[in-house]
């Protein structure tokens, strides 16, 4: 067990994570990152959490959910109420947000995940809009104005730790035996059910876990941007998260991380063209459906083995054809031996000399 976790690859990943954390902490503490770039950095971390959690539902389980912004809203409002109204510490607020999102995911998932395809998408979209309408009319959470004056408790250590936990949790899940059940449901739900997989339970599990991490992302969002409103968690937010997943690749955690990071930076660069941002997102989806249906990464994942294979493919050089030694018939089949000549046999069974 100890040797398994002390492999060179795992140690290298830990070293890379520590270096990334320290670099971010030093850059923020020293003021090298100004407030504008800090906002982009925190937005990238939150969007990575949202994209990876939705990929668990849409990519690895093969469902089509458009209600992820609703689970994000549940987590954001629960954590904000816990800190501003109830005076709970931030850690307890995050746990409470995750629990509330899990309960909501269970309540929504059990009846709706018996649906498939477009029907499931419409049902989850309806859940998000119903939740947003409820938030508009509840004065305890600010109504249409939303909750204001939320303390900024989301720090770089909190963001980095929860982002890493989300990615590692989803990665370990999809690589486990339960992950095989998720992929079986994605590939062929009827065949998976015939093979003994409880498809409804498997889909509900993915739905609940995706909702948990979306709620955590909402809690981080609420405690960094000071204010949350029902308009923040509209259908456009769910569509934005969906673009992250589809662009990176359905079934690729690496693709979700890269696409969420890249599109966050692109969105910041297009702030002067905010009205055209969703148009560009739609154009990206159309082009992907035409030229790259599996997304940029498909189901490919970044790993040390993949890096080694890419390195060998790029830099491996075979000797020129003139330098290669000619192969004889015997050498072309290793392990073969030359058989002795056997005498021919006539019809009456007597041997015949050649």
Protein backbone atom coordinates (compact mmCIF):
# COMPACT_ATOMS: atom_id res chain seq x y z
CA UNK A 1 0.00 0.00 0.00
CA UNK A 2 2.76 2.45 0.94
CA UNK A 3 4.77 1.60 -2.18
CA UNK A 4 1.70 2.19 -4.29
CA UNK A 5 1.33 5.77 -3.10
CA UNK A 6 5.07 6.48 -3.12
CA UNK A 7 5.55 5.79 -6.80
CA UNK A 8 7.57 8.30 -8.78
CA UNK A 9 4.50 9.56 -10.63
CA UNK A 10 2.56 10.31 -7.46
CA UNK A 11 5.54 12.02 -5.86
CA UNK A 12 6.01 14.15 -8.97
CA UNK A 13 2.33 15.17 -8.91
CA UNK A 14 2.59 16.12 -5.23
CA UNK A 15 5.71 18.17 -5.92
CA UNK A 16 3.98 19.94 -8.82
CA UNK A 17 0.92 20.72 -6.69
CA UNK A 18 3.06 22.10 -3.86
CA UNK A 19 5.03 24.25 -6.29
CA UNK A 20 1.82 25.58 -7.87
CA UNK A 21 0.32 26.41 -4.50
CA UNK A 22 3.44 28.18 -3.28
CA UNK A 23 3.78 30.13 -6.52
CA UNK A 24 0.19 31.34 -6.28
CA UNK A 25 0.49 32.19 -2.60
CA UNK A 26 3.68 34.19 -3.13
CA UNK A 27 2.25 36.00 -6.15
CA UNK A 28 -0.86 37.06 -4.22
CA UNK A 29 0.89 37.93 -0.96
CA UNK A 30 3.59 39.99 -2.65
CA UNK A 31 1.12 41.94 -4.76
CA UNK A 32 2.64 40.69 -8.01
CA UNK A 33 -0.89 39.69 -9.07
CA UNK A 34 -3.04 42.80 -9.04
CA UNK A 35 -6.73 42.54 -8.02
CA UNK A 36 -7.87 42.12 -11.63
CA UNK A 37 -5.68 39.06 -12.24
CA UNK A 38 -6.59 37.67 -8.83
CA UNK A 39 -10.26 37.76 -9.86
CA UNK A 40 -9.40 35.84 -13.01
CA UNK A 41 -7.36 33.31 -11.03
CA UNK A 42 -10.19 32.63 -8.58
CA UNK A 43 -12.72 32.50 -11.41
CA UNK A 44 -10.60 29.86 -13.14
CA UNK A 45 -10.51 27.71 -10.01
CA UNK A 46 -14.27 27.92 -9.48
CA UNK A 47 -14.98 27.20 -13.14
CA UNK A 48 -12.68 24.16 -13.04
CA UNK A 49 -14.70 22.77 -10.13
CA UNK A 50 -17.96 23.35 -11.99
CA UNK A 51 -16.68 21.89 -15.27
CA UNK A 52 -15.20 18.73 -13.73
CA UNK A 53 -18.34 18.09 -11.68
CA UNK A 54 -20.62 18.49 -14.70
CA UNK A 55 -18.33 16.24 -16.74
CA UNK A 56 -19.00 13.51 -14.19
CA UNK A 57 -22.69 13.70 -15.15
CA UNK A 58 -22.62 14.55 -18.84
CA UNK A 59 -19.30 13.03 -19.87
CA UNK A 60 -18.65 9.93 -17.80
CA UNK A 61 -22.27 8.91 -17.19
CA UNK A 62 -23.66 10.05 -20.53
CA UNK A 63 -26.57 12.09 -19.17
CA UNK A 64 -27.57 15.53 -20.44
CA UNK A 65 -28.06 17.89 -17.52
CA UNK A 66 -28.74 21.61 -17.90
CA UNK A 67 -29.42 22.33 -14.24
CA UNK A 68 -25.88 22.70 -12.91
CA UNK A 69 -26.34 26.40 -12.22
CA UNK A 70 -29.24 25.45 -9.94
CA UNK A 71 -27.02 23.28 -7.74
CA UNK A 72 -24.43 26.05 -7.73
CA UNK A 73 -27.15 28.43 -6.53
CA UNK A 74 -28.16 26.06 -3.72
CA UNK A 75 -24.58 25.91 -2.48
CA UNK A 76 -24.02 29.66 -2.84
CA UNK A 77 -27.17 30.71 -0.99
CA UNK A 78 -26.79 28.04 1.70
CA UNK A 79 -23.21 29.05 2.48
CA UNK A 80 -24.00 32.76 2.35
CA UNK A 81 -26.94 32.39 4.74
CA UNK A 82 -24.84 30.22 7.06
CA UNK A 83 -22.13 32.89 7.42
CA UNK A 84 -24.20 36.08 7.29
CA UNK A 85 -27.40 35.02 9.07
CA UNK A 86 -26.30 32.18 11.33
CA UNK A 87 -22.72 33.20 12.05
CA UNK A 88 -21.17 29.83 11.17
CA UNK A 89 -17.49 29.55 10.23
CA UNK A 90 -16.59 29.21 6.58
CA UNK A 91 -15.63 25.52 6.82
CA UNK A 92 -19.04 24.65 8.29
CA UNK A 93 -20.74 26.78 5.64
CA UNK A 94 -18.97 24.88 2.84
CA UNK A 95 -19.94 21.52 4.33
CA UNK A 96 -23.51 22.69 4.76
CA UNK A 97 -23.58 23.90 1.16
CA UNK A 98 -22.32 20.52 -0.06
CA UNK A 99 -24.94 18.68 2.03
CA UNK A 100 -27.79 20.92 0.83
CA UNK A 101 -26.73 20.47 -2.79
CA UNK A 102 -26.51 16.70 -2.31
CA UNK A 103 -30.06 16.58 -0.92
CA UNK A 104 -31.32 18.72 -3.78
CA UNK A 105 -29.48 16.53 -6.29
CA UNK A 106 -31.10 13.46 -4.78
CA UNK A 107 -34.58 15.01 -4.83
CA UNK A 108 -34.19 16.06 -8.44
CA UNK A 109 -32.25 13.04 -9.62
CA UNK A 110 -34.52 10.23 -8.42
CA UNK A 111 -37.58 11.26 -10.48
CA UNK A 112 -35.81 12.81 -13.47
CA UNK A 113 -33.00 10.36 -14.15
CA UNK A 114 -35.50 7.80 -15.36
CA UNK A 115 -35.67 10.09 -18.37
CA UNK A 116 -33.10 10.15 -21.13
CA UNK A 117 -31.66 12.54 -23.66
CA UNK A 118 -33.62 15.68 -24.43
CA UNK A 119 -36.30 14.89 -21.86
CA UNK A 120 -33.71 14.83 -19.07
CA UNK A 121 -32.24 18.10 -20.34
CA UNK A 122 -35.66 19.78 -20.28
CA UNK A 123 -36.38 18.43 -16.79
CA UNK A 124 -33.09 19.67 -15.32
CA UNK A 125 -33.49 23.01 -17.09
CA UNK A 126 -36.93 23.32 -15.54
CA UNK A 127 -35.47 22.60 -12.10
CA UNK A 128 -32.99 25.46 -12.48
CA UNK A 129 -35.66 27.93 -13.57
CA UNK A 130 -38.06 26.89 -10.80
CA UNK A 131 -35.33 27.32 -8.20
CA UNK A 132 -34.46 30.74 -9.58
CA UNK A 133 -38.12 31.79 -9.42
CA UNK A 134 -38.28 30.68 -5.78
CA UNK A 135 -35.19 32.74 -4.95
CA UNK A 136 -36.80 35.78 -6.57
CA UNK A 137 -39.74 35.57 -4.15
CA UNK A 138 -38.06 34.67 -0.83
CA UNK A 139 -37.26 37.80 1.15
CA UNK A 140 -35.10 35.90 3.64
CA UNK A 141 -32.44 35.46 0.95
CA UNK A 142 -32.85 38.95 -0.46
CA UNK A 143 -35.41 38.32 -3.18
CA UNK A 144 -34.55 39.86 -6.54
CA UNK A 145 -31.85 42.01 -4.92
CA UNK A 146 -29.99 38.97 -3.64
CA UNK A 147 -27.66 38.72 -0.67
CA UNK A 148 -25.29 41.65 -0.26
CA UNK A 149 -22.28 42.18 1.93
CA UNK A 150 -21.12 38.58 2.02
CA UNK A 151 -17.68 38.43 3.67
CA UNK A 152 -14.74 37.50 1.45
CA UNK A 153 -13.69 34.24 3.06
CA UNK A 154 -12.58 32.41 -0.07
CA UNK A 155 -8.80 32.50 0.03
CA UNK A 156 -6.17 30.95 -2.22
CA UNK A 157 -5.56 27.98 0.12
CA UNK A 158 -9.29 27.23 0.26
CA UNK A 159 -9.70 27.53 -3.51
CA UNK A 160 -6.62 25.47 -4.34
CA UNK A 161 -7.42 22.72 -1.84
CA UNK A 162 -11.06 22.32 -2.92
CA UNK A 163 -10.13 22.39 -6.61
CA UNK A 164 -7.56 19.63 -6.11
CA UNK A 165 -10.02 17.61 -4.00
CA UNK A 166 -12.66 17.88 -6.71
CA UNK A 167 -10.33 16.77 -9.51
CA UNK A 168 -8.82 13.89 -7.50
CA UNK A 169 -12.20 12.71 -6.24
CA UNK A 170 -13.69 12.57 -9.73
CA UNK A 171 -10.53 10.95 -11.14
CA UNK A 172 -10.48 8.23 -8.49
CA UNK A 173 -14.18 7.60 -8.93
CA UNK A 174 -14.05 7.13 -12.69
CA UNK A 175 -11.01 4.84 -12.36
CA UNK A 176 -12.72 2.62 -9.77
CA UNK A 177 -15.15 -0.24 -10.28
CA UNK A 178 -18.01 2.20 -9.75
CA UNK A 179 -16.50 4.25 -12.56
CA UNK A 180 -16.75 1.22 -14.84
CA UNK A 181 -20.46 1.14 -14.08
CA UNK A 182 -20.75 4.85 -14.96
CA UNK A 183 -19.02 4.29 -18.30
CA UNK A 184 -21.15 1.22 -18.99
CA UNK A 185 -24.29 3.30 -18.52
CA UNK A 186 -22.84 5.92 -20.85
CA UNK A 187 -21.93 3.45 -23.59
CA UNK A 188 -25.12 1.38 -23.57
CA UNK A 189 -27.61 1.68 -20.75
CA UNK A 190 -29.69 -1.30 -21.84
CA UNK A 191 -26.64 -3.58 -22.09
CA UNK A 192 -25.39 -2.32 -18.71
CA UNK A 193 -28.73 -3.14 -17.12
CA UNK A 194 -28.68 -6.60 -18.67
CA UNK A 195 -25.18 -7.09 -17.23
CA UNK A 196 -26.47 -6.44 -13.71
CA UNK A 197 -25.69 -2.74 -13.29
CA UNK A 198 -28.30 -0.80 -11.32
CA UNK A 199 -28.51 2.01 -13.87
CA UNK A 200 -30.87 4.25 -11.92
CA UNK A 201 -28.76 4.05 -8.78
CA UNK A 202 -25.57 4.66 -10.78
CA UNK A 203 -27.00 7.74 -12.47
CA UNK A 204 -28.34 9.12 -9.19
CA UNK A 205 -24.89 8.63 -7.60
CA UNK A 206 -23.22 10.63 -10.37
CA UNK A 207 -25.94 13.27 -10.18
CA UNK A 208 -25.60 13.69 -6.42
CA UNK A 209 -21.79 13.86 -6.48
CA UNK A 210 -21.89 16.36 -9.33
CA UNK A 211 -24.35 18.46 -7.33
CA UNK A 212 -22.09 18.31 -4.25
CA UNK A 213 -19.11 19.77 -6.07
CA UNK A 214 -21.30 22.33 -7.83
CA UNK A 215 -22.52 23.45 -4.40
CA UNK A 216 -18.93 23.77 -3.20
CA UNK A 217 -18.18 25.91 -6.24
CA UNK A 218 -21.18 28.07 -5.42
CA UNK A 219 -20.01 28.52 -1.83
CA UNK A 220 -16.58 29.64 -3.03
CA UNK A 221 -18.18 32.00 -5.54
CA UNK A 222 -20.48 33.63 -2.98
CA UNK A 223 -17.65 34.29 -0.52
CA UNK A 224 -15.36 35.83 -3.08
CA UNK A 225 -17.63 38.15 -5.07
CA UNK A 226 -19.50 39.60 -2.05
CA UNK A 227 -22.95 39.46 -3.69
CA UNK A 228 -25.17 36.79 -5.25
CA UNK A 229 -28.42 37.29 -7.13
CA UNK A 230 -30.88 34.94 -8.83
CA UNK A 231 -29.82 36.32 -12.22
CA UNK A 232 -26.30 35.02 -11.58
CA UNK A 233 -27.52 31.42 -11.81
CA UNK A 234 -29.64 31.59 -14.94
CA UNK A 235 -29.74 29.17 -17.85
CA UNK A 236 -26.83 31.06 -19.40
CA UNK A 237 -24.61 29.97 -16.51
CA UNK A 238 -25.53 26.32 -17.06
CA UNK A 239 -24.86 26.76 -20.76
CA UNK A 240 -21.47 28.32 -20.00
CA UNK A 241 -20.46 25.33 -17.85
CA UNK A 242 -21.71 22.97 -20.56
CA UNK A 243 -19.45 24.71 -23.08
CA UNK A 244 -16.46 24.05 -20.81
CA UNK A 245 -17.25 20.34 -20.78
CA UNK A 246 -18.04 19.94 -24.48
CA UNK A 247 -15.05 21.98 -25.60
CA UNK A 248 -12.59 20.02 -23.47
CA UNK A 249 -14.10 16.63 -24.26
CA UNK A 250 -16.91 14.58 -22.78
CA UNK A 251 -15.14 12.11 -20.52
CA UNK A 252 -11.85 13.99 -20.12
CA UNK A 253 -10.96 15.63 -16.80
CA UNK A 254 -7.89 17.16 -18.42
CA UNK A 255 -10.07 18.68 -21.13
CA UNK A 256 -12.43 20.20 -18.55
CA UNK A 257 -9.54 21.80 -16.65
CA UNK A 258 -7.91 23.20 -19.79
CA UNK A 259 -11.13 24.46 -21.40
CA UNK A 260 -12.41 26.08 -18.18
CA UNK A 261 -9.07 27.87 -17.77
CA UNK A 262 -8.84 28.96 -21.40
CA UNK A 263 -12.44 30.15 -21.72
CA UNK A 264 -12.23 32.07 -18.44
CA UNK A 265 -9.24 33.97 -19.80
CA UNK A 266 -11.01 34.46 -23.14
CA UNK A 267 -14.11 35.76 -21.38
CA UNK A 268 -11.98 38.27 -19.48
CA UNK A 269 -10.37 39.41 -22.74
CA UNK A 270 -13.81 39.92 -24.31
CA UNK A 271 -15.28 42.04 -21.52
CA UNK A 272 -15.72 44.91 -23.95
CA UNK A 273 -17.81 42.57 -26.11
CA UNK A 274 -19.93 41.04 -23.38
CA UNK A 275 -23.01 40.89 -25.60
CA UNK A 276 -21.16 38.71 -28.12
CA UNK A 277 -19.67 36.29 -25.60
CA UNK A 278 -22.54 33.80 -25.72
CA UNK A 279 -22.63 34.14 -29.52
CA UNK A 280 -18.99 33.10 -29.60
CA UNK A 281 -19.72 30.21 -27.24
CA UNK A 282 -22.48 29.03 -29.56
CA UNK A 283 -20.17 29.34 -32.56
CA UNK A 284 -17.54 27.27 -30.76
CA UNK A 285 -20.10 24.52 -30.11
CA UNK A 286 -21.26 24.50 -33.73
CA UNK A 287 -17.68 24.24 -35.02
CA UNK A 288 -16.93 21.44 -32.56
CA UNK A 289 -19.99 19.47 -33.62
CA UNK A 290 -18.80 19.74 -37.23
CA UNK A 291 -15.06 19.20 -36.99
CA UNK A 292 -14.38 17.64 -33.56
CA UNK A 293 -17.41 15.88 -32.15
CA UNK A 294 -15.47 14.43 -29.20
CA UNK A 295 -14.10 17.78 -28.03
CA UNK A 296 -10.51 18.95 -28.12
CA UNK A 297 -9.22 16.16 -25.87
CA UNK A 298 -11.86 13.49 -26.47
CA UNK A 299 -11.40 10.99 -23.64
CA UNK A 300 -7.62 11.54 -23.40
CA UNK A 301 -6.13 12.21 -19.97
CA UNK A 302 -2.80 13.76 -19.07
CA UNK A 303 -0.49 11.33 -17.29
CA UNK A 304 3.20 10.57 -17.05
CA UNK A 305 2.68 7.53 -19.27
CA UNK A 306 1.01 9.69 -21.90
CA UNK A 307 3.82 12.24 -21.70
CA UNK A 308 6.39 9.47 -22.13
CA UNK A 309 4.57 8.06 -25.15
CA UNK A 310 4.32 11.52 -26.71
CA UNK A 311 8.03 12.12 -26.07
CA UNK A 312 8.96 8.81 -27.68
CA UNK A 313 6.70 9.53 -30.66
CA UNK A 314 8.19 12.99 -31.17
CA UNK A 315 11.88 12.29 -30.61
CA UNK A 316 12.36 8.61 -31.40
CA UNK A 317 14.43 8.25 -34.57
CA UNK A 318 14.69 5.00 -36.48
CA UNK A 319 17.97 4.21 -38.30
CA UNK A 320 18.02 4.90 -42.05
CA UNK A 321 17.00 2.06 -44.31
CA UNK A 322 20.59 1.61 -45.60
CA UNK A 323 21.95 1.05 -42.08
CA UNK A 324 19.56 -1.73 -41.24
CA UNK A 325 20.85 -5.28 -41.40
CA UNK A 326 18.98 -7.45 -43.94
CA UNK A 327 16.73 -10.03 -42.43
CA UNK A 328 16.99 -13.62 -43.58
CA UNK A 329 14.05 -15.92 -43.74
CA UNK A 330 15.14 -17.65 -40.56
CA UNK A 331 15.80 -14.39 -38.72
CA UNK A 332 12.47 -12.94 -39.73
CA UNK A 333 10.70 -15.50 -37.56
CA UNK A 334 12.44 -15.64 -34.18
CA UNK A 335 12.54 -19.00 -32.55
CA UNK A 336 12.00 -20.88 -35.80
CA UNK A 337 14.26 -23.83 -36.59
CA UNK A 338 15.25 -25.29 -39.97
CA UNK A 339 13.44 -28.59 -40.54
CA UNK A 340 15.35 -31.49 -42.10
CA UNK A 341 14.36 -32.75 -45.49
CA UNK A 342 11.89 -35.63 -45.18
CA UNK A 343 11.56 -38.40 -47.76
CA UNK A 344 8.49 -38.39 -49.92
CA UNK A 345 6.00 -41.23 -49.48
CA UNK A 346 4.28 -43.10 -52.32
CA UNK A 347 0.65 -44.23 -52.31
CA UNK A 348 1.56 -47.68 -51.00
CA UNK A 349 3.40 -46.16 -48.03
CA UNK A 350 6.93 -46.93 -49.26
CA UNK A 351 9.48 -44.11 -49.03
CA UNK A 352 10.70 -42.70 -52.32
CA UNK A 353 14.15 -41.25 -52.87
CA UNK A 354 14.34 -37.74 -54.25
